[in-house]
Structures are given as structure tokens and as C-alpha cells.
Amino acid sequence: MTKSIVALFQNASQVAVTDSAATGTVSTAYDSLWTGADIPTQAPSALEQVMLSDEKIFVVLAVVLIIWIGVILLILRTDRHLTRVERSVAENIPDADDGL
């Protein structure tokens, strides 16, 4: 089995050497995708222009700021609801002094 693997590698290297000698370059199976193919392109949208600009740090900062504002609003809203529930529970539960 190891002889067949070694023979396979030798055959593959000989084919690569003859191919590169014939064309002058090493070719791959995917090079036809990248050589001179007409790839349709379109102009970037406004959002893409902002994201692809050189000053991307401002975009990152804006996204982080939006996330932090959302987290803070969520915490404040939850705190307000918990305060209402605590007041409701305190008003509806009778005192421990019931004469027992």
C-alpha cells in the first residue's frame, strides 16, 4: 500500500513538472475563475460606502453605543417593573402582627 501511495505522489509530481514546463507557470484547477473573467459588478450602496470607508472606527463606535443604550434601557425598564411589583406585594400582604 505504501508503494502505491509513493508511486501516486511521484506520478503527480511528474505531471506537475511537465505541466509547468509546458506553460511556464504552475496552474491550478481554480485559476480559470480568476483570469480575465468578466464578473458583473454594481456600485456600492450608501451603507456599503460607509462601512467600506477608511474611518470604520466610527461605525464600530456607533454600533457599540447603540448596544449600550439598549442594555441600559432594558435594565431601567426592568427595575421600574420590579419596583411596581414590590410595592404591590408590600400593599397586599398583611402585617405579621395578626394577634397570634
PDB file of N, CA and C in Angstrom:
ATOM      1  N   MET A   1       0.827  -1.191   0.000  1.00  0.00           N
ATOM      2  CA  MET A   1       0.000   0.000   0.000  1.00  0.00           C
ATOM      3  C   MET A   1       0.867   1.248   0.000  1.00  0.00           C
ATOM      4  N   THR A   2       1.932   1.253   0.779  1.00  0.00           N
ATOM      5  CA  THR A   2       2.795   2.441   0.817  1.00  0.00           C
ATOM      6  C   THR A   2       3.497   2.646  -0.512  1.00  0.00           C
ATOM      7  N   LYS A   3       3.780   1.559  -1.236  1.00  0.00           N
ATOM      8  CA  LYS A   3       4.409   1.701  -2.557  1.00  0.00           C
ATOM      9  C   LYS A   3       3.457   2.386  -3.534  1.00  0.00           C
ATOM     10  N   SER A   4       2.163   2.053  -3.419  1.00  0.00           N
ATOM     11  CA  SER A   4       1.198   2.664  -4.330  1.00  0.00           C
ATOM     12  C   SER A   4       1.013   4.153  -4.016  1.00  0.00           C
ATOM     13  N   ILE A   5       1.093   4.527  -2.723  1.00  0.00           N
ATOM     14  CA  ILE A   5       0.973   5.940  -2.353  1.00  0.00           C
ATOM     15  C   ILE A   5       2.184   6.713  -2.847  1.00  0.00           C
ATOM     16  N   VAL A   6       3.370   6.113  -2.689  1.00  0.00           N
ATOM     17  CA  VAL A   6       4.600   6.767  -3.155  1.00  0.00           C
ATOM     18  C   VAL A   6       4.563   6.914  -4.666  1.00  0.00           C
ATOM     19  N   ALA A   7       4.104   5.890  -5.356  1.00  0.00           N
ATOM     20  CA  ALA A   7       4.004   5.956  -6.814  1.00  0.00           C
ATOM     21  C   ALA A   7       2.999   7.023  -7.242  1.00  0.00           C
ATOM     22  N   LEU A   8       1.918   7.155  -6.494  1.00  0.00           N
ATOM     23  CA  LEU A   8       0.917   8.170  -6.805  1.00  0.00           C
ATOM     24  C   LEU A   8       1.503   9.572  -6.675  1.00  0.00           C
ATOM     25  N   PHE A   9       2.247   9.806  -5.585  1.00  0.00           N
ATOM     26  CA  PHE A   9       2.875  11.116  -5.403  1.00  0.00           C
ATOM     27  C   PHE A   9       3.925  11.401  -6.467  1.00  0.00           C
ATOM     28  N   GLN A  10       4.682  10.374  -6.852  1.00  0.00           N
ATOM     29  CA  GLN A  10       5.693  10.569  -7.893  1.00  0.00           C
ATOM     30  C   GLN A  10       5.040  10.898  -9.225  1.00  0.00           C
ATOM     31  N   ASN A  11       3.953  10.201  -9.539  1.00  0.00           N
ATOM     32  CA  ASN A  11       3.240  10.474 -10.782  1.00  0.00           C
ATOM     33  C   ASN A  11       2.654  11.886 -10.778  1.00  0.00           C
ATOM     34  N   ALA A  12       2.107  12.291  -9.638  1.00  0.00           N
ATOM     35  CA  ALA A  12       1.522  13.625  -9.552  1.00  0.00           C
ATOM     36  C   ALA A  12       2.596  14.698  -9.687  1.00  0.00           C
ATOM     37  N   SER A  13       3.763  14.470  -9.086  1.00  0.00           N
ATOM     38  CA  SER A  13       4.829  15.471  -9.193  1.00  0.00           C
ATOM     39  C   SER A  13       5.375  15.535 -10.609  1.00  0.00           C
ATOM     40  N   GLN A  14       5.440  14.407 -11.316  1.00  0.00           N
ATOM     41  CA  GLN A  14       5.913  14.415 -12.694  1.00  0.00           C
ATOM     42  C   GLN A  14       4.928  15.148 -13.597  1.00  0.00           C
ATOM     43  N   VAL A  15       3.644  14.954 -13.365  1.00  0.00           N
ATOM     44  CA  VAL A  15       2.629  15.648 -14.155  1.00  0.00           C
ATOM     45  C   VAL A  15       2.711  17.145 -13.909  1.00  0.00           C
ATOM     46  N   ALA A  16       2.902  17.550 -12.650  1.00  0.00           N
ATOM     47  CA  ALA A  16       3.007  18.970 -12.329  1.00  0.00           C
ATOM     48  C   ALA A  16       4.236  19.583 -12.965  1.00  0.00           C
ATOM     49  N   VAL A  17       5.354  18.832 -12.995  1.00  0.00           N
ATOM     50  CA  VAL A  17       6.581  19.354 -13.602  1.00  0.00           C
ATOM     51  C   VAL A  17       6.403  19.502 -15.094  1.00  0.00           C
ATOM     52  N   THR A  18       5.789  18.531 -15.763  1.00  0.00           N
ATOM     53  CA  THR A  18       5.594  18.631 -17.209  1.00  0.00           C
ATOM     54  C   THR A  18       4.603  19.726 -17.557  1.00  0.00           C
ATOM     55  N   ASP A  19       3.553  19.917 -16.723  1.00  0.00           N
ATOM     56  CA  ASP A  19       2.594  20.983 -16.976  1.00  0.00           C
ATOM     57  C   ASP A  19       3.245  22.349 -16.811  1.00  0.00           C
ATOM     58  N   SER A  20       4.034  22.504 -15.760  1.00  0.00           N
ATOM     59  CA  SER A  20       4.658  23.804 -15.530  1.00  0.00           C
ATOM     60  C   SER A  20       5.740  24.075 -16.554  1.00  0.00           C
ATOM     61  N   ALA A  21       6.402  23.043 -17.038  1.00  0.00           N
ATOM     62  CA  ALA A  21       7.428  23.244 -18.062  1.00  0.00           C
ATOM     63  C   ALA A  21       6.782  23.631 -19.384  1.00  0.00           C
ATOM     64  N   ALA A  22       5.633  23.081 -19.684  1.00  0.00           N
ATOM     65  CA  ALA A  22       4.965  23.371 -20.952  1.00  0.00           C
ATOM     66  C   ALA A  22       4.395  24.784 -20.964  1.00  0.00           C
ATOM     67  N   THR A  23       3.832  25.247 -19.838  1.00  0.00           N
ATOM     68  CA  THR A  23       3.188  26.552 -19.818  1.00  0.00           C
ATOM     69  C   THR A  23       4.060  27.634 -19.222  1.00  0.00           C
ATOM     70  N   GLY A  24       5.061  27.267 -18.476  1.00  0.00           N
ATOM     71  CA  GLY A  24       5.928  28.257 -17.850  1.00  0.00           C
ATOM     72  C   GLY A  24       5.439  28.709 -16.491  1.00  0.00           C
ATOM     73  N   THR A  25       4.255  28.253 -16.093  1.00  0.00           N
ATOM     74  CA  THR A  25       3.713  28.606 -14.777  1.00  0.00           C
ATOM     75  C   THR A  25       3.086  27.382 -14.145  1.00  0.00           C
ATOM     76  N   VAL A  26       2.875  27.462 -12.872  1.00  0.00           N
ATOM     77  CA  VAL A  26       2.173  26.400 -12.170  1.00  0.00           C
ATOM     78  C   VAL A  26       0.698  26.726 -12.227  1.00  0.00           C
ATOM     79  N   SER A  27      -0.092  25.796 -12.689  1.00  0.00           N
ATOM     80  CA  SER A  27      -1.520  26.056 -12.827  1.00  0.00           C
ATOM     81  C   SER A  27      -2.286  25.258 -11.789  1.00  0.00           C
ATOM     82  N   THR A  28      -3.426  25.770 -11.431  1.00  0.00           N
ATOM     83  CA  THR A  28      -4.316  25.078 -10.508  1.00  0.00           C
ATOM     84  C   THR A  28      -5.661  24.901 -11.181  1.00  0.00           C
ATOM     85  N   ALA A  29      -6.509  24.160 -10.533  1.00  0.00           N
ATOM     86  CA  ALA A  29      -7.831  23.902 -11.096  1.00  0.00           C
ATOM     87  C   ALA A  29      -8.712  25.136 -11.048  1.00  0.00           C
ATOM     88  N   TYR A  30      -8.378  26.107 -10.195  1.00  0.00           N
ATOM     89  CA  TYR A  30      -9.248  27.253 -10.000  1.00  0.00           C
ATOM     90  C   TYR A  30      -8.764  28.520 -10.706  1.00  0.00           C
ATOM     91  N   ASP A  31      -7.653  28.451 -11.406  1.00  0.00           N
ATOM     92  CA  ASP A  31      -7.130  29.683 -11.986  1.00  0.00           C
ATOM     93  C   ASP A  31      -8.011  30.221 -13.101  1.00  0.00           C
ATOM     94  N   SER A  32      -8.819  29.402 -13.718  1.00  0.00           N
ATOM     95  CA  SER A  32      -9.686  29.894 -14.778  1.00  0.00           C
ATOM     96  C   SER A  32     -10.786  30.794 -14.226  1.00  0.00           C
ATOM     97  N   LEU A  33     -11.075  30.667 -12.941  1.00  0.00           N
ATOM     98  CA  LEU A  33     -12.077  31.536 -12.341  1.00  0.00           C
ATOM     99  C   LEU A  33     -11.576  32.971 -12.198  1.00  0.00           C
ATOM    100  N   TRP A  34     -10.282  33.139 -12.068  1.00  0.00           N
ATOM    101  CA  TRP A  34      -9.739  34.447 -11.729  1.00  0.00           C
ATOM    102  C   TRP A  34      -9.077  35.163 -12.907  1.00  0.00           C
ATOM    103  N   THR A  35      -8.841  34.474 -14.002  1.00  0.00           N
ATOM    104  CA  THR A  35      -8.117  35.095 -15.107  1.00  0.00           C
ATOM    105  C   THR A  35      -9.083  35.677 -16.120  1.00  0.00           C
ATOM    106  N   GLY A  36      -9.176  36.957 -16.132  1.00  0.00           N
ATOM    107  CA  GLY A  36      -9.903  37.657 -17.176  1.00  0.00           C
ATOM    108  C   GLY A  36     -11.381  37.382 -17.252  1.00  0.00           C
ATOM    109  N   ALA A  37     -11.964  36.789 -16.277  1.00  0.00           N
ATOM    110  CA  ALA A  37     -13.396  36.536 -16.311  1.00  0.00           C
ATOM    111  C   ALA A  37     -14.132  37.847 -16.057  1.00  0.00           C
ATOM    112  N   ASP A  38     -15.164  38.076 -16.830  1.00  0.00           N
ATOM    113  CA  ASP A  38     -15.965  39.279 -16.633  1.00  0.00           C
ATOM    114  C   ASP A  38     -16.950  39.040 -15.502  1.00  0.00           C
ATOM    115  N   ILE A  39     -16.642  39.600 -14.349  1.00  0.00           N
ATOM    116  CA  ILE A  39     -17.503  39.458 -13.189  1.00  0.00           C
ATOM    117  C   ILE A  39     -18.373  40.702 -13.109  1.00  0.00           C
ATOM    118  N   PRO A  40     -19.688  40.532 -13.121  1.00  0.00           N
ATOM    119  CA  PRO A  40     -20.551  41.714 -13.062  1.00  0.00           C
ATOM    120  C   PRO A  40     -20.425  42.410 -11.703  1.00  0.00           C
ATOM    121  N   THR A  41     -20.301  43.715 -11.743  1.00  0.00           N
ATOM    122  CA  THR A  41     -20.201  44.494 -10.508  1.00  0.00           C
ATOM    123  C   THR A  41     -21.254  45.582 -10.523  1.00  0.00           C
ATOM    124  N   GLN A  42     -21.581  46.094  -9.351  1.00  0.00           N
ATOM    125  CA  GLN A  42     -22.519  47.198  -9.237  1.00  0.00           C
ATOM    126  C   GLN A  42     -21.947  48.199  -8.248  1.00  0.00           C
ATOM    127  N   ALA A  43     -22.433  49.404  -8.332  1.00  0.00           N
ATOM    128  CA  ALA A  43     -21.955  50.453  -7.438  1.00  0.00           C
ATOM    129  C   ALA A  43     -22.395  50.144  -6.010  1.00  0.00           C
ATOM    130  N   PRO A  44     -21.523  50.407  -5.031  1.00  0.00           N
ATOM    131  CA  PRO A  44     -21.910  50.130  -3.637  1.00  0.00           C
ATOM    132  C   PRO A  44     -23.005  51.078  -3.170  1.00  0.00           C
ATOM    133  N   SER A  45     -23.862  50.558  -2.303  1.00  0.00           N
ATOM    134  CA  SER A  45     -24.938  51.376  -1.759  1.00  0.00           C
ATOM    135  C   SER A  45     -24.368  52.342  -0.723  1.00  0.00           C
ATOM    136  N   ALA A  46     -25.222  53.195  -0.188  1.00  0.00           N
ATOM    137  CA  ALA A  46     -24.772  54.191   0.783  1.00  0.00           C
ATOM    138  C   ALA A  46     -24.237  53.519   2.048  1.00  0.00           C
ATOM    139  N   LEU A  47     -24.917  52.478   2.505  1.00  0.00           N
ATOM    140  CA  LEU A  47     -24.459  51.765   3.697  1.00  0.00           C
ATOM    141  C   LEU A  47     -23.119  51.089   3.449  1.00  0.00           C
ATOM    142  N   GLU A  48     -22.968  50.494   2.276  1.00  0.00           N
ATOM    143  CA  GLU A  48     -21.694  49.857   1.944  1.00  0.00           C
ATOM    144  C   GLU A  48     -20.575  50.878   1.856  1.00  0.00           C
ATOM    145  N   GLN A  49     -20.866  52.065   1.338  1.00  0.00           N
ATOM    146  CA  GLN A  49     -19.843  53.104   1.272  1.00  0.00           C
ATOM    147  C   GLN A  49     -19.388  53.521   2.658  1.00  0.00           C
ATOM    148  N   VAL A  50     -20.330  53.603   3.603  1.00  0.00           N
ATOM    149  CA  VAL A  50     -19.969  53.960   4.974  1.00  0.00           C
ATOM    150  C   VAL A  50     -19.129  52.856   5.601  1.00  0.00           C
ATOM    151  N   MET A  51     -19.571  51.613   5.420  1.00  0.00           N
ATOM    152  CA  MET A  51     -18.860  50.502   6.037  1.00  0.00           C
ATOM    153  C   MET A  51     -17.492  50.270   5.396  1.00  0.00           C
ATOM    154  N   LEU A  52     -17.344  50.585   4.145  1.00  0.00           N
ATOM    155  CA  LEU A  52     -16.082  50.357   3.459  1.00  0.00           C
ATOM    156  C   LEU A  52     -15.149  51.561   3.499  1.00  0.00           C
ATOM    157  N   SER A  53     -15.557  52.626   4.154  1.00  0.00           N
ATOM    158  CA  SER A  53     -14.702  53.807   4.218  1.00  0.00           C
ATOM    159  C   SER A  53     -13.515  53.540   5.129  1.00  0.00           C
ATOM    160  N   ASP A  54     -12.550  54.446   5.086  1.00  0.00           N
ATOM    161  CA  ASP A  54     -11.329  54.267   5.863  1.00  0.00           C
ATOM    162  C   ASP A  54     -11.548  54.459   7.354  1.00  0.00           C
ATOM    163  N   GLU A  55     -12.540  55.206   7.741  1.00  0.00           N
ATOM    164  CA  GLU A  55     -12.759  55.512   9.152  1.00  0.00           C
ATOM    165  C   GLU A  55     -13.843  54.607   9.731  1.00  0.00           C
ATOM    166  N   LYS A  56     -13.580  53.333   9.744  1.00  0.00           N
ATOM    167  CA  LYS A  56     -14.553  52.352  10.212  1.00  0.00           C
ATOM    168  C   LYS A  56     -14.720  52.381  11.723  1.00  0.00           C
ATOM    169  N   ILE A  57     -13.798  52.982  12.435  1.00  0.00           N
ATOM    170  CA  ILE A  57     -13.881  53.019  13.888  1.00  0.00           C
ATOM    171  C   ILE A  57     -15.144  53.747  14.336  1.00  0.00           C
ATOM    172  N   PHE A  58     -15.570  54.743  13.579  1.00  0.00           N
ATOM    173  CA  PHE A  58     -16.775  55.479  13.944  1.00  0.00           C
ATOM    174  C   PHE A  58     -18.018  54.610  13.787  1.00  0.00           C
ATOM    175  N   VAL A  59     -18.024  53.750  12.799  1.00  0.00           N
ATOM    176  CA  VAL A  59     -19.134  52.821  12.615  1.00  0.00           C
ATOM    177  C   VAL A  59     -19.176  51.833  13.781  1.00  0.00           C
ATOM    178  N   VAL A  60     -18.017  51.333  14.156  1.00  0.00           N
ATOM    179  CA  VAL A  60     -17.939  50.400  15.277  1.00  0.00           C
ATOM    180  C   VAL A  60     -18.394  51.082  16.564  1.00  0.00           C
ATOM    181  N   LEU A  61     -17.954  52.299  16.787  1.00  0.00           N
ATOM    182  CA  LEU A  61     -18.354  53.032  17.983  1.00  0.00           C
ATOM    183  C   LEU A  61     -19.855  53.298  18.002  1.00  0.00           C
ATOM    184  N   ALA A  62     -20.423  53.612  16.862  1.00  0.00           N
ATOM    185  CA  ALA A  62     -21.868  53.852  16.798  1.00  0.00           C
ATOM    186  C   ALA A  62     -22.645  52.580  17.132  1.00  0.00           C
ATOM    187  N   VAL A  63     -22.207  51.452  16.612  1.00  0.00           N
ATOM    188  CA  VAL A  63     -22.891  50.189  16.901  1.00  0.00           C
ATOM    189  C   VAL A  63     -22.775  49.842  18.377  1.00  0.00           C
ATOM    190  N   VAL A  64     -21.593  50.014  18.952  1.00  0.00           N
ATOM    191  CA  VAL A  64     -21.399  49.725  20.374  1.00  0.00           C
ATOM    192  C   VAL A  64     -22.243  50.667  21.228  1.00  0.00           C
ATOM    193  N   LEU A  65     -22.326  51.938  20.839  1.00  0.00           N
ATOM    194  CA  LEU A  65     -23.142  52.897  21.573  1.00  0.00           C
ATOM    195  C   LEU A  65     -24.620  52.503  21.541  1.00  0.00           C
ATOM    196  N   ILE A  66     -25.103  52.078  20.399  1.00  0.00           N
ATOM    197  CA  ILE A  66     -26.499  51.645  20.280  1.00  0.00           C
ATOM    198  C   ILE A  66     -26.762  50.432  21.163  1.00  0.00           C
ATOM    199  N   ILE A  67     -25.830  49.503  21.189  1.00  0.00           N
ATOM    200  CA  ILE A  67     -25.990  48.319  22.038  1.00  0.00           C
ATOM    201  C   ILE A  67     -26.026  48.710  23.505  1.00  0.00           C
ATOM    202  N   TRP A  68     -25.113  49.594  23.945  1.00  0.00           N
ATOM    203  CA  TRP A  68     -25.085  50.014  25.351  1.00  0.00           C
ATOM    204  C   TRP A  68     -26.356  50.760  25.745  1.00  0.00           C
ATOM    205  N   ILE A  69     -26.841  51.607  24.861  1.00  0.00           N
ATOM    206  CA  ILE A  69     -28.093  52.323  25.152  1.00  0.00           C
ATOM    207  C   ILE A  69     -29.237  51.327  25.306  1.00  0.00           C
ATOM    208  N   GLY A  70     -29.296  50.312  24.456  1.00  0.00           N
ATOM    209  CA  GLY A  70     -30.326  49.282  24.571  1.00  0.00           C
ATOM    210  C   GLY A  70     -30.230  48.512  25.871  1.00  0.00           C
ATOM    211  N   VAL A  71     -29.016  48.173  26.292  1.00  0.00           N
ATOM    212  CA  VAL A  71     -28.842  47.439  27.549  1.00  0.00           C
ATOM    213  C   VAL A  71     -29.269  48.299  28.734  1.00  0.00           C
ATOM    214  N   ILE A  72     -28.886  49.573  28.728  1.00  0.00           N
ATOM    215  CA  ILE A  72     -29.253  50.475  29.826  1.00  0.00           C
ATOM    216  C   ILE A  72     -30.762  50.660  29.887  1.00  0.00           C
ATOM    217  N   LEU A  73     -31.405  50.845  28.738  1.00  0.00           N
ATOM    218  CA  LEU A  73     -32.868  50.980  28.730  1.00  0.00           C
ATOM    219  C   LEU A  73     -33.553  49.713  29.226  1.00  0.00           C
ATOM    220  N   LEU A  74     -33.031  48.562  28.868  1.00  0.00           N
ATOM    221  CA  LEU A  74     -33.597  47.306  29.337  1.00  0.00           C
ATOM    222  C   LEU A  74     -33.472  47.189  30.858  1.00  0.00           C
ATOM    223  N   ILE A  75     -32.335  47.558  31.408  1.00  0.00           N
ATOM    224  CA  ILE A  75     -32.139  47.489  32.858  1.00  0.00           C
ATOM    225  C   ILE A  75     -33.061  48.467  33.574  1.00  0.00           C
ATOM    226  N   LEU A  76     -33.181  49.694  33.068  1.00  0.00           N
ATOM    227  CA  LEU A  76     -34.057  50.673  33.705  1.00  0.00           C
ATOM    228  C   LEU A  76     -35.519  50.240  33.660  1.00  0.00           C
ATOM    229  N   ARG A  77     -35.935  49.693  32.545  1.00  0.00           N
ATOM    230  CA  ARG A  77     -37.317  49.229  32.401  1.00  0.00           C
ATOM    231  C   ARG A  77     -37.605  48.070  33.360  1.00  0.00           C
ATOM    232  N   THR A  78     -36.666  47.139  33.458  1.00  0.00           N
ATOM    233  CA  THR A  78     -36.832  46.010  34.368  1.00  0.00           C
ATOM    234  C   THR A  78     -36.866  46.483  35.809  1.00  0.00           C
ATOM    235  N   ASP A  79     -36.033  47.453  36.162  1.00  0.00           N
ATOM    236  CA  ASP A  79     -36.028  47.992  37.521  1.00  0.00           C
ATOM    237  C   ASP A  79     -37.361  48.659  37.842  1.00  0.00           C
ATOM    238  N   ARG A  80     -37.914  49.401  36.903  1.00  0.00           N
ATOM    239  CA  ARG A  80     -39.210  50.050  37.117  1.00  0.00           C
ATOM    240  C   ARG A  80     -40.311  49.021  37.349  1.00  0.00           C
ATOM    241  N   HIS A  81     -40.316  47.954  36.558  1.00  0.00           N
ATOM    242  CA  HIS A  81     -41.326  46.911  36.731  1.00  0.00           C
ATOM    243  C   HIS A  81     -41.158  46.197  38.068  1.00  0.00           C
ATOM    244  N   LEU A  82     -39.941  45.932  38.469  1.00  0.00           N
ATOM    245  CA  LEU A  82     -39.718  45.280  39.755  1.00  0.00           C
ATOM    246  C   LEU A  82     -40.143  46.165  40.918  1.00  0.00           C
ATOM    247  N   THR A  83     -39.922  47.457  40.800  1.00  0.00           N
ATOM    248  CA  THR A  83     -40.362  48.376  41.852  1.00  0.00           C
ATOM    249  C   THR A  83     -41.875  48.344  41.987  1.00  0.00           C
ATOM    250  N   ARG A  84     -42.592  48.329  40.868  1.00  0.00           N
ATOM    251  CA  ARG A  84     -44.055  48.239  40.915  1.00  0.00           C
ATOM    252  C   ARG A  84     -44.514  46.939  41.563  1.00  0.00           C
ATOM    253  N   VAL A  85     -43.867  45.839  41.229  1.00  0.00           N
ATOM    254  CA  VAL A  85     -44.244  44.547  41.806  1.00  0.00           C
ATOM    255  C   VAL A  85     -43.958  44.544  43.307  1.00  0.00           C
ATOM    256  N   GLU A  86     -42.827  45.100  43.717  1.00  0.00           N
ATOM    257  CA  GLU A  86     -42.503  45.154  45.149  1.00  0.00           C
ATOM    258  C   GLU A  86     -43.525  45.984  45.920  1.00  0.00           C
ATOM    259  N   ARG A  87     -43.940  47.135  45.369  1.00  0.00           N
ATOM    260  CA  ARG A  87     -44.967  47.950  46.020  1.00  0.00           C
ATOM    261  C   ARG A  87     -46.290  47.203  46.121  1.00  0.00           C
ATOM    262  N   SER A  88     -46.654  46.524  45.053  1.00  0.00           N
ATOM    263  CA  SER A  88     -47.907  45.779  45.031  1.00  0.00           C
ATOM    264  C   SER A  88     -47.887  44.662  46.066  1.00  0.00           C
ATOM    265  N   VAL A  89     -46.796  43.971  46.184  1.00  0.00           N
ATOM    266  CA  VAL A  89     -46.684  42.890  47.159  1.00  0.00           C
ATOM    267  C   VAL A  89     -46.710  43.460  48.566  1.00  0.00           C
ATOM    268  N   ALA A  90     -46.021  44.571  48.802  1.00  0.00           N
ATOM    269  CA  ALA A  90     -45.991  45.180  50.139  1.00  0.00           C
ATOM    270  C   ALA A  90     -47.370  45.683  50.560  1.00  0.00           C
ATOM    271  N   GLU A  91     -48.184  46.175  49.625  1.00  0.00           N
ATOM    272  CA  GLU A  91     -49.514  46.678  49.948  1.00  0.00           C
ATOM    273  C   GLU A  91     -50.513  45.551  50.187  1.00  0.00           C
ATOM    274  N   ASN A  92     -50.361  44.448  49.505  1.00  0.00           N
ATOM    275  CA  ASN A  92     -51.355  43.374  49.570  1.00  0.00           C
ATOM    276  C   ASN A  92     -51.071  42.316  50.623  1.00  0.00           C
ATOM    277  N   ILE A  93     -49.881  42.244  51.144  1.00  0.00           N
ATOM    278  CA  ILE A  93     -49.572  41.258  52.182  1.00  0.00           C
ATOM    279  C   ILE A  93     -49.821  41.908  53.531  1.00  0.00           C
ATOM    280  N   PRO A  94     -50.615  41.271  54.374  1.00  0.00           N
ATOM    281  CA  PRO A  94     -50.887  41.851  55.679  1.00  0.00           C
ATOM    282  C   PRO A  94     -49.645  41.795  56.569  1.00  0.00           C
ATOM    283  N   ASP A  95     -49.670  42.645  57.615  1.00  0.00           N
ATOM    284  CA  ASP A  95     -48.550  42.683  58.535  1.00  0.00           C
ATOM    285  C   ASP A  95     -48.452  41.380  59.310  1.00  0.00           C
ATOM    286  N   ALA A  96     -47.288  41.141  59.891  1.00  0.00           N
ATOM    287  CA  ALA A  96     -47.071  39.924  60.670  1.00  0.00           C
ATOM    288  C   ALA A  96     -47.790  39.991  62.015  1.00  0.00           C
ATOM    289  N   ASP A  97     -48.201  41.169  62.520  1.00  0.00           N
ATOM    290  CA  ASP A  97     -48.917  41.310  63.788  1.00  0.00           C
ATOM    291  C   ASP A  97     -50.389  41.031  63.568  1.00  0.00           C
ATOM    292  N   ASP A  98     -50.786  39.796  63.528  1.00  0.00           N
ATOM    293  CA  ASP A  98     -52.205  39.469  63.376  1.00  0.00           C
ATOM    294  C   ASP A  98     -52.794  38.890  64.652  1.00  0.00           C
ATOM    295  N   GLY A  99     -52.087  39.014  65.787  1.00  0.00           N
ATOM    296  CA  GLY A  99     -52.622  38.632  67.079  1.00  0.00           C
ATOM    297  C   GLY A  99     -52.459  37.183  67.434  1.00  0.00           C
ATOM    298  N   LEU A 100     -51.672  36.464  66.756  1.00  0.00           N
ATOM    299  CA  LEU A 100     -51.491  35.053  67.118  1.00  0.00           C
ATOM    300  C   LEU A 100     -50.484  34.907  68.167  1.00  0.00           C
TER     301      LEU A 100
END
